Structure formats: C-alpha cells, structure tokens
Amino acid sequence: MRTLAETLPKEELFHSGHPLCPGCPGGMMLRWITKTLGKNSICSMAATCMALPAMVYPHSLEIPCLYIAMAPSPAGITGVSAAIKILKRKGRIPADRKISVFALAGDGSAGDIGMASLSGAAERNDDGIFFCFDNEAYMNTGIQRSSSTPRFSWTTSTIKGKPEKKKDLPRIMAAHDIPYVATVSVAYPDDFVRKLEKARDMEPGFKYLHVHSPCPTGWRFPESKTIEIARLAVETGLWILYEVDHGSLKVNFRPEKRRPIEDYLRPQGRFRELSQKDIQSIQDRIDNRWRDMRN
C-alpha cells in the first residue's frame, strides 16, 4: 500500500515560516488541502487562526486568498463561484477548467458568528468546499468559549467549566441535505485526504468537512502531544469519523474496543477540574451516541 507522502503531489503550496503556534495541526491541514486541491484553487479565509499564514507577510500560501471577516467566509464561496461561472460564460476562462473554491473558518466563525452565512450558502447549494477547523473555542482572540466548546471545559470565559453541551455542527449541516458532509481528524490523514478528494471530484454543490483540531495552547497539553490527543478522541469514541454522501450515512472507523474517555480528558488542562461524576456523564453521552449510530 502506498503511503500518503507517495500519493500526494510533491509540489509544496504551503511553506514554513508561518506564524501558527507550535503544535498547531493547522499547518498539516493546510498542507494536505493545498496539495490535494492544487494551484487551481481559491480560498475564502475567515479572520481566524488559520488566516495567519495568508495575512502575514511573507505569505506562506501560494494560492489566491480572499481574506474576509469572521462571519462571511461562506459568502466568499458564493461570490467567487458565481464569478467563475460568469467568466467561463464570457470565455475569459476555459469552460472545462476545474477551479476548486473553498473556505476555511474556525468553530466560532462557522457555528456562531457565521452560522447564518454558512446555512445560507448550504441552502443555496453554492459550489465549494467549506472546512470548519474545530479547536473548540475562540483561540485566536483569547481562548473564549464557543458553541463548539465541550461541556465542562475551561476557557477564559468559562473559568468554572462550560455548562452547555457542544453544538453538533456536522449533523446540522447534514440536515441541509447538501451533497456531502464529513468529519475528519488530523490524526487520520489518509481518511482526511480521501474525503477531500471525494468532495473535490463531486458534481458542483456545497460540501462540508469538519476537522477535529486539538489546540495545545487552549486545551493545555504539551505541543508534542497534538496527534496523540487527536487519536485518543477517535479511539475513545468521542470523535466519530463518518460521512454523509447524498443523505447516506457511513461510519468510517469503529474502534474494536473503545478506550475510556478519561484517557482523553486527563492529559488536558482544560478538564483538570472534572469530577468522576462529570467524566461518567461524558462517557454515558458517548455510549448513547454510538447506539444512535448503530440505528
């Protein structure tokens, strides 16, 4: 079996020198995205952590980027894809030229501030791929809670732990009946790239990829443990890798024996105040979710 390094193009469109934090998985994600989509791609970049490589000189990205406010990156997909259609119709761009339009936004941009823009682009089935880079808080502005922050998690705005549950944004997007929704993890690059290639090669329409992205800075774990934490999220069953292809759900990875959720929670400082009762409630929620997935 060929490795990911052997299957992806050798050309690098994302370079070192970017100002992302040490241990941030965003660099890997951007590298996989740009290698998979190639030079014929245009990015609508929300004002989040992931915008740093595009906005800080010298640029680390070798593709056109529309640097936009936190909320309207999905509207960037709408505008750019519409412009491409017009230019093709006028003969300014060859009609058969494939141009991939995608947007990058954090969980706060996607699920909170930009939810109306995201839902609107999905409802219109605008042509593009939307990535939600989910590090489970507003990390770029000071680690404030978002609707994607898990229950009981510390943030600078929930110092005693967030009382509300995490918003299930992938299922909300699947309810829009768009062509493709998928969850991915930075610990499983083969699954990530396969799903991205699938979204890229589909018929025109709106596709949504939700990336579980551990943040050493905000989650309070050593920067060398990013992939380990990401893998634990999947092995404990907290983060389920699945895809919804034209309404058909498929779970892509089922751990033979799920590890206890405590293995994932204890290494993270943001969960340091958890009681055994809190941990058990999280475990029960995971078990119930997997029962739902079997039905």
Protein backbone atom coordinates (compact mmCIF):
# COMPACT_ATOMS: atom_id res chain seq x y z
CA MET A 1 0.00 0.00 0.00
CA ARG A 2 1.34 3.42 -0.95
CA THR A 3 1.81 5.99 1.80
CA LEU A 4 0.16 9.41 1.79
CA ALA A 5 3.53 11.04 1.08
CA GLU A 6 3.81 8.91 -2.07
CA THR A 7 0.29 9.63 -3.34
CA LEU A 8 0.11 13.39 -2.79
CA PRO A 9 1.78 15.78 -5.27
CA LYS A 10 5.35 16.75 -4.43
CA GLU A 11 4.78 20.44 -5.13
CA GLU A 12 4.51 22.50 -1.94
CA LEU A 13 1.98 25.34 -1.95
CA PHE A 14 2.14 25.89 1.82
CA HIS A 15 5.52 26.79 3.24
CA SER A 16 7.33 27.05 6.54
CA GLY A 17 7.72 30.39 8.25
CA HIS A 18 4.04 30.73 9.08
CA PRO A 19 3.09 32.17 12.50
CA LEU A 20 0.86 29.31 13.68
CA CYS A 21 1.55 28.17 17.25
CA PRO A 22 3.97 25.28 17.88
CA GLY A 23 1.99 22.05 17.82
CA CYS A 24 -0.93 23.57 15.89
CA PRO A 25 -2.35 20.98 13.48
CA GLY A 26 -3.46 23.73 11.11
CA GLY A 27 -0.16 23.62 9.23
CA MET A 28 -0.62 19.95 8.39
CA MET A 29 -4.22 20.56 7.37
CA LEU A 30 -3.33 23.44 5.04
CA ARG A 31 -0.56 21.36 3.50
CA TRP A 32 -2.93 18.46 2.76
CA ILE A 33 -5.61 20.80 1.41
CA THR A 34 -3.30 22.69 -0.94
CA LYS A 35 -1.61 19.51 -2.19
CA THR A 36 -4.99 17.89 -2.85
CA LEU A 37 -6.72 20.87 -4.47
CA GLY A 38 -3.62 22.22 -6.22
CA LYS A 39 -2.85 25.62 -7.74
CA ASN A 40 -6.23 25.87 -9.44
CA SER A 41 -7.92 26.70 -6.16
CA ILE A 42 -9.14 29.85 -4.43
CA CYS A 43 -9.62 30.21 -0.68
CA SER A 44 -12.12 32.35 1.22
CA MET A 45 -10.28 32.79 4.52
CA ALA A 46 -12.14 33.88 7.65
CA ALA A 47 -10.33 36.04 10.20
CA THR A 48 -9.30 33.16 12.44
CA CYS A 49 -6.12 31.31 13.45
CA MET A 50 -5.94 29.75 10.01
CA ALA A 51 -5.77 33.17 8.35
CA LEU A 52 -2.36 33.89 9.86
CA PRO A 53 -0.34 32.15 7.11
CA ALA A 54 -2.26 34.13 4.47
CA MET A 55 -2.30 37.56 6.10
CA VAL A 56 1.22 37.88 7.49
CA TYR A 57 4.00 38.85 5.07
CA PRO A 58 5.81 36.97 3.59
CA HIS A 59 2.91 34.78 2.58
CA SER A 60 3.13 31.07 3.28
CA LEU A 61 0.33 30.20 0.86
CA GLU A 62 0.83 30.10 -2.92
CA ILE A 63 -2.85 30.24 -3.87
CA PRO A 64 -5.23 33.21 -4.19
CA CYS A 65 -6.90 34.03 -0.87
CA LEU A 66 -9.86 36.25 -0.16
CA TYR A 67 -9.13 37.43 3.39
CA ILE A 68 -12.52 38.16 4.87
CA ALA A 69 -14.19 38.96 8.21
CA MET A 70 -15.03 36.22 10.72
CA ALA A 71 -18.63 35.66 9.65
CA PRO A 72 -18.91 35.72 5.84
CA SER A 73 -16.36 33.19 4.54
CA PRO A 74 -19.24 31.05 3.13
CA ALA A 75 -20.42 34.15 1.26
CA GLY A 76 -16.92 34.25 -0.21
CA ILE A 77 -17.61 30.83 -1.73
CA THR A 78 -20.87 32.21 -3.11
CA GLY A 79 -19.23 35.23 -4.73
CA VAL A 80 -16.13 33.53 -6.09
CA SER A 81 -18.01 30.54 -7.54
CA ALA A 82 -20.53 32.91 -9.17
CA ALA A 83 -17.69 34.98 -10.65
CA ILE A 84 -16.07 31.85 -12.08
CA LYS A 85 -19.35 30.87 -13.78
CA ILE A 86 -19.66 34.32 -15.36
CA LEU A 87 -16.04 34.35 -16.56
CA LYS A 88 -16.49 30.90 -18.11
CA ARG A 89 -19.69 32.01 -19.82
CA LYS A 90 -17.88 35.03 -21.27
CA GLY A 91 -14.96 32.92 -22.44
CA ARG A 92 -12.47 34.57 -20.10
CA ILE A 93 -11.78 31.17 -18.50
CA PRO A 94 -11.89 27.86 -20.41
CA ALA A 95 -15.22 26.18 -19.76
CA ASP A 96 -13.56 22.87 -18.88
CA ARG A 97 -11.07 24.34 -16.41
CA LYS A 98 -11.58 22.91 -12.92
CA ILE A 99 -11.19 25.56 -10.20
CA SER A 100 -11.73 24.45 -6.60
CA VAL A 101 -13.24 27.09 -4.33
CA PHE A 102 -13.01 26.50 -0.60
CA ALA A 103 -13.44 28.35 2.67
CA LEU A 104 -11.62 27.98 5.97
CA ALA A 105 -13.21 29.05 9.25
CA GLY A 106 -12.94 28.20 12.92
CA ASP A 107 -15.72 26.73 15.00
CA GLY A 108 -16.77 30.15 16.28
CA SER A 109 -16.82 31.61 12.77
CA ALA A 110 -18.75 28.65 11.39
CA GLY A 111 -21.16 27.73 14.16
CA ASP A 112 -21.71 31.06 15.93
CA ILE A 113 -20.89 34.36 14.22
CA GLY A 114 -21.15 32.99 10.68
CA MET A 115 -23.94 30.44 11.11
CA ALA A 116 -26.40 32.45 9.00
CA SER A 117 -23.87 32.81 6.18
CA LEU A 118 -22.97 29.11 6.35
CA SER A 119 -26.59 27.97 6.40
CA GLY A 120 -27.43 30.28 3.51
CA ALA A 121 -24.61 29.00 1.30
CA ALA A 122 -25.63 25.42 2.09
CA GLU A 123 -29.32 26.08 1.41
CA ARG A 124 -28.42 27.59 -1.99
CA ASN A 125 -26.06 24.66 -2.63
CA ASP A 126 -23.33 27.05 -3.75
CA ASP A 127 -20.35 25.33 -5.34
CA GLY A 128 -17.44 24.96 -2.94
CA ILE A 129 -15.89 23.09 -0.02
CA PHE A 130 -16.22 24.51 3.49
CA PHE A 131 -13.76 23.48 6.20
CA CYS A 132 -14.62 24.05 9.85
CA PHE A 133 -11.32 23.99 11.75
CA ASP A 134 -12.74 22.98 15.13
CA ASN A 135 -10.38 23.73 18.01
CA GLU A 136 -13.41 24.12 20.27
CA ALA A 137 -13.05 27.77 21.30
CA TYR A 138 -12.20 31.25 20.01
CA MET A 139 -8.47 30.56 20.24
CA ASN A 140 -7.27 33.47 18.11
CA THR A 141 -8.90 36.07 20.37
CA GLY A 142 -8.00 34.66 23.77
CA ILE A 143 -9.49 31.17 24.31
CA GLN A 144 -13.11 32.23 24.85
CA ARG A 145 -15.87 29.61 24.74
CA SER A 146 -17.81 28.95 21.57
CA SER A 147 -20.89 26.82 20.98
CA SER A 148 -18.44 24.10 19.92
CA THR A 149 -16.65 24.11 23.27
CA PRO A 150 -17.36 20.83 25.10
CA ARG A 151 -19.32 20.71 28.31
CA PHE A 152 -17.19 21.14 31.49
CA SER A 153 -14.28 22.64 29.52
CA TRP A 154 -12.30 25.55 30.95
CA THR A 155 -11.93 28.65 28.80
CA THR A 156 -11.13 32.23 29.76
CA SER A 157 -14.86 32.97 29.69
CA THR A 158 -15.93 29.74 31.45
CA ILE A 159 -13.39 29.52 34.25
CA LYS A 160 -15.52 27.04 36.20
CA GLY A 161 -16.23 24.94 33.13
CA LYS A 162 -18.76 25.42 30.37
CA PRO A 163 -22.22 24.23 31.48
CA GLU A 164 -23.67 23.79 27.98
CA LYS A 165 -23.11 20.85 25.62
CA LYS A 166 -21.13 21.08 22.37
CA LYS A 167 -23.14 22.02 19.28
CA ASP A 168 -23.24 19.17 16.74
CA LEU A 169 -22.47 21.24 13.66
CA PRO A 170 -21.85 18.34 11.23
CA ARG A 171 -25.34 16.95 11.85
CA ILE A 172 -26.83 20.42 11.48
CA MET A 173 -25.13 20.71 8.09
CA ALA A 174 -26.28 17.22 7.07
CA ALA A 175 -29.84 18.37 7.79
CA HIS A 176 -29.39 20.94 4.98
CA ASP A 177 -29.43 18.00 2.54
CA ILE A 178 -26.23 19.11 0.81
CA PRO A 179 -24.27 16.65 -1.38
CA TYR A 180 -21.55 15.83 1.14
CA VAL A 181 -20.75 16.17 4.84
CA ALA A 182 -17.77 14.52 6.52
CA THR A 183 -15.94 14.54 9.83
CA VAL A 184 -12.16 14.21 9.77
CA SER A 185 -9.25 14.21 12.20
CA VAL A 186 -5.68 15.42 11.84
CA ALA A 187 -4.58 12.07 13.32
CA TYR A 188 -6.01 10.20 10.31
CA PRO A 189 -4.53 11.87 7.20
CA ASP A 190 -5.48 9.07 4.78
CA ASP A 191 -9.13 9.42 5.75
CA PHE A 192 -8.83 13.22 5.55
CA VAL A 193 -7.38 13.25 2.04
CA ARG A 194 -9.73 10.55 0.73
CA LYS A 195 -12.76 12.56 1.83
CA LEU A 196 -11.31 15.78 0.45
CA GLU A 197 -10.65 14.13 -2.93
CA LYS A 198 -14.22 12.84 -2.92
CA ALA A 199 -15.59 16.32 -2.23
CA ARG A 200 -13.31 17.83 -4.89
CA ASP A 201 -14.41 15.39 -7.58
CA MET A 202 -18.16 15.58 -6.92
CA GLU A 203 -20.66 17.45 -9.04
CA PRO A 204 -21.00 21.20 -8.30
CA GLY A 205 -22.59 21.91 -4.94
CA PHE A 206 -21.84 22.66 -1.30
CA LYS A 207 -19.62 20.24 0.63
CA TYR A 208 -18.79 20.46 4.33
CA LEU A 209 -15.76 18.98 6.13
CA HIS A 210 -15.49 19.30 9.91
CA VAL A 211 -11.92 18.96 11.19
CA HIS A 212 -11.32 17.99 14.83
CA SER A 213 -8.22 20.03 15.67
CA PRO A 214 -6.60 19.81 19.12
CA CYS A 215 -5.06 23.11 20.27
CA PRO A 216 -2.10 22.80 22.67
CA THR A 217 -2.41 26.46 23.68
CA GLY A 218 -6.10 26.40 24.54
CA TRP A 219 -6.50 22.80 25.62
CA ARG A 220 -3.46 22.93 27.89
CA PHE A 221 -1.39 19.96 26.78
CA PRO A 222 2.25 19.72 25.57
CA GLU A 223 2.69 20.76 21.94
CA SER A 224 4.33 17.40 21.14
CA LYS A 225 1.08 15.57 22.01
CA THR A 226 -1.24 17.02 19.34
CA ILE A 227 -1.59 13.88 17.23
CA GLU A 228 -1.80 11.66 20.31
CA ILE A 229 -4.71 13.72 21.67
CA ALA A 230 -6.42 13.73 18.27
CA ARG A 231 -6.10 9.95 18.01
CA LEU A 232 -7.43 9.47 21.55
CA ALA A 233 -10.54 11.46 20.61
CA VAL A 234 -11.29 8.86 17.93
CA GLU A 235 -10.20 5.79 19.92
CA THR A 236 -12.43 6.75 22.86
CA GLY A 237 -15.36 7.29 20.51
CA LEU A 238 -15.70 10.96 21.37
CA TRP A 239 -14.97 12.00 17.77
CA ILE A 240 -16.70 9.76 15.24
CA LEU A 241 -15.28 9.63 11.72
CA TYR A 242 -18.21 9.44 9.31
CA GLU A 243 -19.53 10.83 6.05
CA VAL A 244 -22.97 11.63 4.69
CA ASP A 245 -22.93 11.20 0.91
CA HIS A 246 -26.17 12.48 -0.66
CA GLY A 247 -28.05 11.60 2.52
CA SER A 248 -26.45 8.19 3.05
CA LEU A 249 -24.56 7.87 6.36
CA LYS A 250 -21.42 5.76 6.64
CA VAL A 251 -19.25 5.42 9.76
CA ASN A 252 -15.66 5.15 8.54
CA PHE A 253 -13.95 3.91 11.70
CA ARG A 254 -15.36 1.85 14.55
CA PRO A 255 -12.88 1.13 17.36
CA GLU A 256 -12.91 -2.58 18.20
CA LYS A 257 -12.91 -1.65 21.87
CA ARG A 258 -13.36 1.99 22.76
CA ARG A 259 -10.91 3.34 25.30
CA PRO A 260 -12.36 5.04 28.39
CA ILE A 261 -12.95 8.75 27.87
CA GLU A 262 -10.78 9.51 30.89
CA ASP A 263 -7.73 8.61 28.76
CA TYR A 264 -8.59 11.58 26.53
CA LEU A 265 -9.66 14.03 29.23
CA ARG A 266 -6.91 13.68 31.84
CA PRO A 267 -3.95 14.89 29.71
CA GLN A 268 -5.75 18.18 29.00
CA GLY A 269 -5.50 21.02 31.50
CA ARG A 270 -8.84 22.43 30.38
CA PHE A 271 -10.54 19.44 32.04
CA ARG A 272 -8.47 19.46 35.23
CA GLU A 273 -11.46 20.25 37.49
CA LEU A 274 -13.62 17.35 36.29
CA SER A 275 -15.20 15.13 38.92
CA GLN A 276 -15.79 11.42 38.41
CA LYS A 277 -19.48 12.23 38.03
CA ASP A 278 -18.64 14.66 35.21
CA ILE A 279 -16.44 12.09 33.49
CA GLN A 280 -19.15 9.45 33.75
CA SER A 281 -21.73 11.79 32.24
CA ILE A 282 -19.41 12.35 29.25
CA GLN A 283 -18.88 8.60 28.92
CA ASP A 284 -22.64 7.98 29.02
CA ARG A 285 -23.19 10.57 26.30
CA ILE A 286 -20.59 8.88 24.08
CA ASP A 287 -22.17 5.47 24.63
CA ASN A 288 -25.60 6.84 23.74
CA ARG A 289 -24.24 8.49 20.59
CA TRP A 290 -22.76 5.22 19.37
CA ARG A 291 -26.07 3.47 20.00
CA ASP A 292 -27.70 6.11 17.80
CA MET A 293 -25.08 5.48 15.10
CA ARG A 294 -25.97 1.78 15.02
CA ASN A 295 -29.66 2.52 14.44
